[in-house]
Amino acid sequence: MLEYEFERIAAGAEGYSLFGGVGFEMEAAREVILRRAAEGWRYAGWLPARQRATGHVEEMDLVFERGRADE
């Protein structure tokens, strides 16, 4: 059996990309994933937590999983 935890981070908008629209910087996600991995969690994916009507994701939940300790 697995247990899951979620950690919310902001998706920082940084100027414009070459192909139009806003570019996003995901450095915060890397830091969280590396920290959680050191704690024994496996990165499982992400879910949009706050999104504008234009489709831009402002906040996301990173999903982590690991085996339950009680098994």
N, C-alpha and C. Protein backbone atom coordinates (compact mmCIF):
# COMPACT_ATOMS: atom_id res chain seq x y z
N MET A 1 0.85 -1.19 0.00
CA MET A 1 0.00 0.00 0.00
C MET A 1 0.89 1.25 0.00
N LEU A 2 0.43 2.26 -0.68
CA LEU A 2 1.18 3.51 -0.77
C LEU A 2 0.50 4.62 0.02
N GLU A 3 1.30 5.57 0.46
CA GLU A 3 0.75 6.80 1.04
C GLU A 3 1.17 7.95 0.15
N TYR A 4 0.36 8.99 0.14
CA TYR A 4 0.60 10.13 -0.74
C TYR A 4 0.63 11.42 0.06
N GLU A 5 1.43 12.36 -0.41
CA GLU A 5 1.44 13.71 0.13
C GLU A 5 1.49 14.68 -1.05
N PHE A 6 0.97 15.87 -0.81
CA PHE A 6 0.91 16.91 -1.82
C PHE A 6 1.64 18.14 -1.29
N GLU A 7 2.37 18.81 -2.15
CA GLU A 7 3.03 20.05 -1.76
C GLU A 7 2.74 21.10 -2.83
N ARG A 8 2.12 22.19 -2.40
CA ARG A 8 1.72 23.25 -3.33
C ARG A 8 2.88 24.21 -3.57
N ILE A 9 3.09 24.54 -4.84
CA ILE A 9 4.10 25.53 -5.22
C ILE A 9 3.48 26.49 -6.23
N ALA A 10 4.07 27.68 -6.32
CA ALA A 10 3.63 28.66 -7.31
C ALA A 10 4.38 28.41 -8.61
N ALA A 11 3.70 28.61 -9.72
CA ALA A 11 4.32 28.54 -11.03
C ALA A 11 4.66 29.96 -11.42
N GLY A 12 5.91 30.33 -11.29
CA GLY A 12 6.32 31.72 -11.52
C GLY A 12 6.37 32.08 -12.98
N ALA A 13 5.61 33.09 -13.39
CA ALA A 13 5.63 33.57 -14.77
C ALA A 13 6.86 34.45 -14.96
N GLU A 14 7.60 34.20 -16.03
CA GLU A 14 8.83 34.93 -16.32
C GLU A 14 8.81 35.46 -17.74
N GLY A 15 8.33 36.64 -17.98
CA GLY A 15 8.39 37.25 -19.31
C GLY A 15 7.61 36.48 -20.35
N TYR A 16 8.13 36.45 -21.56
CA TYR A 16 7.45 35.79 -22.67
C TYR A 16 8.37 34.76 -23.31
N SER A 17 7.78 33.67 -23.77
CA SER A 17 8.57 32.65 -24.45
C SER A 17 8.79 33.04 -25.92
N LEU A 18 9.67 32.36 -26.61
CA LEU A 18 9.95 32.66 -28.02
C LEU A 18 8.74 32.45 -28.91
N PHE A 19 7.87 31.53 -28.55
CA PHE A 19 6.73 31.18 -29.38
C PHE A 19 5.44 31.87 -28.94
N GLY A 20 5.57 32.90 -28.11
CA GLY A 20 4.40 33.64 -27.65
C GLY A 20 3.92 33.13 -26.31
N GLY A 21 3.20 33.98 -25.62
CA GLY A 21 2.68 33.60 -24.31
C GLY A 21 3.73 33.78 -23.23
N VAL A 22 3.36 33.39 -22.03
CA VAL A 22 4.22 33.56 -20.87
C VAL A 22 5.05 32.30 -20.66
N GLY A 23 6.34 32.47 -20.36
CA GLY A 23 7.20 31.35 -20.01
C GLY A 23 7.12 31.10 -18.51
N PHE A 24 7.34 29.88 -18.08
CA PHE A 24 7.27 29.55 -16.66
C PHE A 24 8.59 29.01 -16.16
N GLU A 25 9.00 29.46 -15.00
CA GLU A 25 10.23 29.02 -14.36
C GLU A 25 9.87 27.97 -13.32
N MET A 26 10.49 26.80 -13.39
CA MET A 26 10.12 25.69 -12.50
C MET A 26 11.24 25.30 -11.55
N GLU A 27 12.13 26.21 -11.24
CA GLU A 27 13.24 25.91 -10.33
C GLU A 27 12.73 25.46 -8.96
N ALA A 28 11.65 26.06 -8.48
CA ALA A 28 11.10 25.68 -7.17
C ALA A 28 10.67 24.22 -7.16
N ALA A 29 10.13 23.73 -8.26
CA ALA A 29 9.69 22.34 -8.34
C ALA A 29 10.87 21.40 -8.21
N ARG A 30 11.97 21.71 -8.87
CA ARG A 30 13.17 20.86 -8.78
C ARG A 30 13.66 20.76 -7.35
N GLU A 31 13.70 21.89 -6.67
CA GLU A 31 14.18 21.90 -5.28
C GLU A 31 13.29 21.04 -4.39
N VAL A 32 11.98 21.16 -4.56
CA VAL A 32 11.04 20.37 -3.75
C VAL A 32 11.19 18.88 -4.06
N ILE A 33 11.30 18.53 -5.34
CA ILE A 33 11.42 17.12 -5.72
C ILE A 33 12.70 16.51 -5.16
N LEU A 34 13.82 17.24 -5.23
CA LEU A 34 15.08 16.73 -4.69
C LEU A 34 15.02 16.58 -3.17
N ARG A 35 14.41 17.55 -2.50
CA ARG A 35 14.29 17.47 -1.03
C ARG A 35 13.43 16.28 -0.63
N ARG A 36 12.28 16.11 -1.30
CA ARG A 36 11.38 14.99 -0.98
C ARG A 36 12.04 13.65 -1.27
N ALA A 37 12.83 13.56 -2.36
CA ALA A 37 13.52 12.31 -2.68
C ALA A 37 14.49 11.93 -1.57
N ALA A 38 15.18 12.92 -1.02
CA ALA A 38 16.11 12.67 0.08
C ALA A 38 15.38 12.17 1.33
N GLU A 39 14.09 12.49 1.44
CA GLU A 39 13.27 12.05 2.58
C GLU A 39 12.59 10.72 2.31
N GLY A 40 12.85 10.12 1.13
CA GLY A 40 12.28 8.81 0.82
C GLY A 40 11.00 8.83 -0.01
N TRP A 41 10.60 10.00 -0.49
CA TRP A 41 9.40 10.11 -1.32
C TRP A 41 9.76 9.99 -2.79
N ARG A 42 8.84 9.48 -3.58
CA ARG A 42 8.98 9.38 -5.04
C ARG A 42 8.02 10.38 -5.67
N TYR A 43 8.54 11.18 -6.61
CA TYR A 43 7.69 12.12 -7.34
C TYR A 43 6.74 11.33 -8.23
N ALA A 44 5.43 11.61 -8.12
CA ALA A 44 4.43 10.86 -8.87
C ALA A 44 3.72 11.69 -9.94
N GLY A 45 3.84 13.01 -9.87
CA GLY A 45 3.18 13.86 -10.86
C GLY A 45 2.73 15.17 -10.25
N TRP A 46 1.92 15.90 -11.00
CA TRP A 46 1.43 17.19 -10.50
C TRP A 46 -0.01 17.40 -10.96
N LEU A 47 -0.69 18.26 -10.21
CA LEU A 47 -2.07 18.63 -10.51
C LEU A 47 -2.18 20.15 -10.47
N PRO A 48 -2.89 20.76 -11.42
CA PRO A 48 -3.10 22.20 -11.31
C PRO A 48 -3.98 22.49 -10.10
N ALA A 49 -3.55 23.42 -9.26
CA ALA A 49 -4.31 23.76 -8.06
C ALA A 49 -5.04 25.09 -8.22
N ARG A 50 -4.45 25.99 -8.99
CA ARG A 50 -5.06 27.29 -9.25
C ARG A 50 -4.72 27.66 -10.68
N GLN A 51 -5.76 27.93 -11.46
CA GLN A 51 -5.57 28.15 -12.88
C GLN A 51 -6.44 29.32 -13.34
N ARG A 52 -5.92 30.15 -14.23
CA ARG A 52 -6.68 31.27 -14.78
C ARG A 52 -7.61 30.76 -15.88
N ALA A 53 -8.57 31.56 -16.24
CA ALA A 53 -9.51 31.20 -17.31
C ALA A 53 -8.79 31.05 -18.65
N THR A 54 -7.62 31.68 -18.78
CA THR A 54 -6.82 31.56 -20.01
C THR A 54 -6.08 30.24 -20.09
N GLY A 55 -6.10 29.47 -19.02
CA GLY A 55 -5.40 28.18 -18.99
C GLY A 55 -4.06 28.22 -18.29
N HIS A 56 -3.58 29.40 -17.94
CA HIS A 56 -2.29 29.51 -17.24
C HIS A 56 -2.41 28.97 -15.82
N VAL A 57 -1.53 28.06 -15.48
CA VAL A 57 -1.50 27.49 -14.13
C VAL A 57 -0.72 28.44 -13.23
N GLU A 58 -1.34 28.88 -12.14
CA GLU A 58 -0.66 29.78 -11.20
C GLU A 58 -0.06 29.03 -10.03
N GLU A 59 -0.72 27.97 -9.58
CA GLU A 59 -0.21 27.13 -8.50
C GLU A 59 -0.46 25.68 -8.86
N MET A 60 0.45 24.81 -8.41
CA MET A 60 0.28 23.39 -8.66
C MET A 60 0.61 22.60 -7.42
N ASP A 61 -0.01 21.43 -7.31
CA ASP A 61 0.31 20.49 -6.25
C ASP A 61 1.23 19.43 -6.82
N LEU A 62 2.42 19.30 -6.26
CA LEU A 62 3.30 18.20 -6.63
C LEU A 62 2.87 16.99 -5.81
N VAL A 63 2.79 15.83 -6.42
CA VAL A 63 2.31 14.62 -5.77
C VAL A 63 3.49 13.70 -5.50
N PHE A 64 3.59 13.21 -4.26
CA PHE A 64 4.67 12.31 -3.85
C PHE A 64 4.06 11.06 -3.23
N GLU A 65 4.75 9.93 -3.43
CA GLU A 65 4.27 8.66 -2.88
C GLU A 65 5.45 7.88 -2.28
N ARG A 66 5.11 7.00 -1.35
CA ARG A 66 6.07 6.07 -0.79
C ARG A 66 5.31 4.93 -0.15
N GLY A 67 6.00 3.84 0.10
CA GLY A 67 5.37 2.71 0.76
C GLY A 67 5.04 3.07 2.21
N ARG A 68 3.93 2.55 2.68
CA ARG A 68 3.52 2.85 4.07
C ARG A 68 4.45 2.15 5.05
N ALA A 69 4.79 2.84 6.12
CA ALA A 69 5.70 2.30 7.12
C ALA A 69 5.07 1.18 7.94
N ASP A 70 3.75 1.14 8.03
CA ASP A 70 3.07 0.15 8.89
C ASP A 70 2.85 -1.19 8.20
N GLU A 71 3.44 -1.38 7.02
CA GLU A 71 3.25 -2.67 6.31
C GLU A 71 4.51 -3.49 6.36
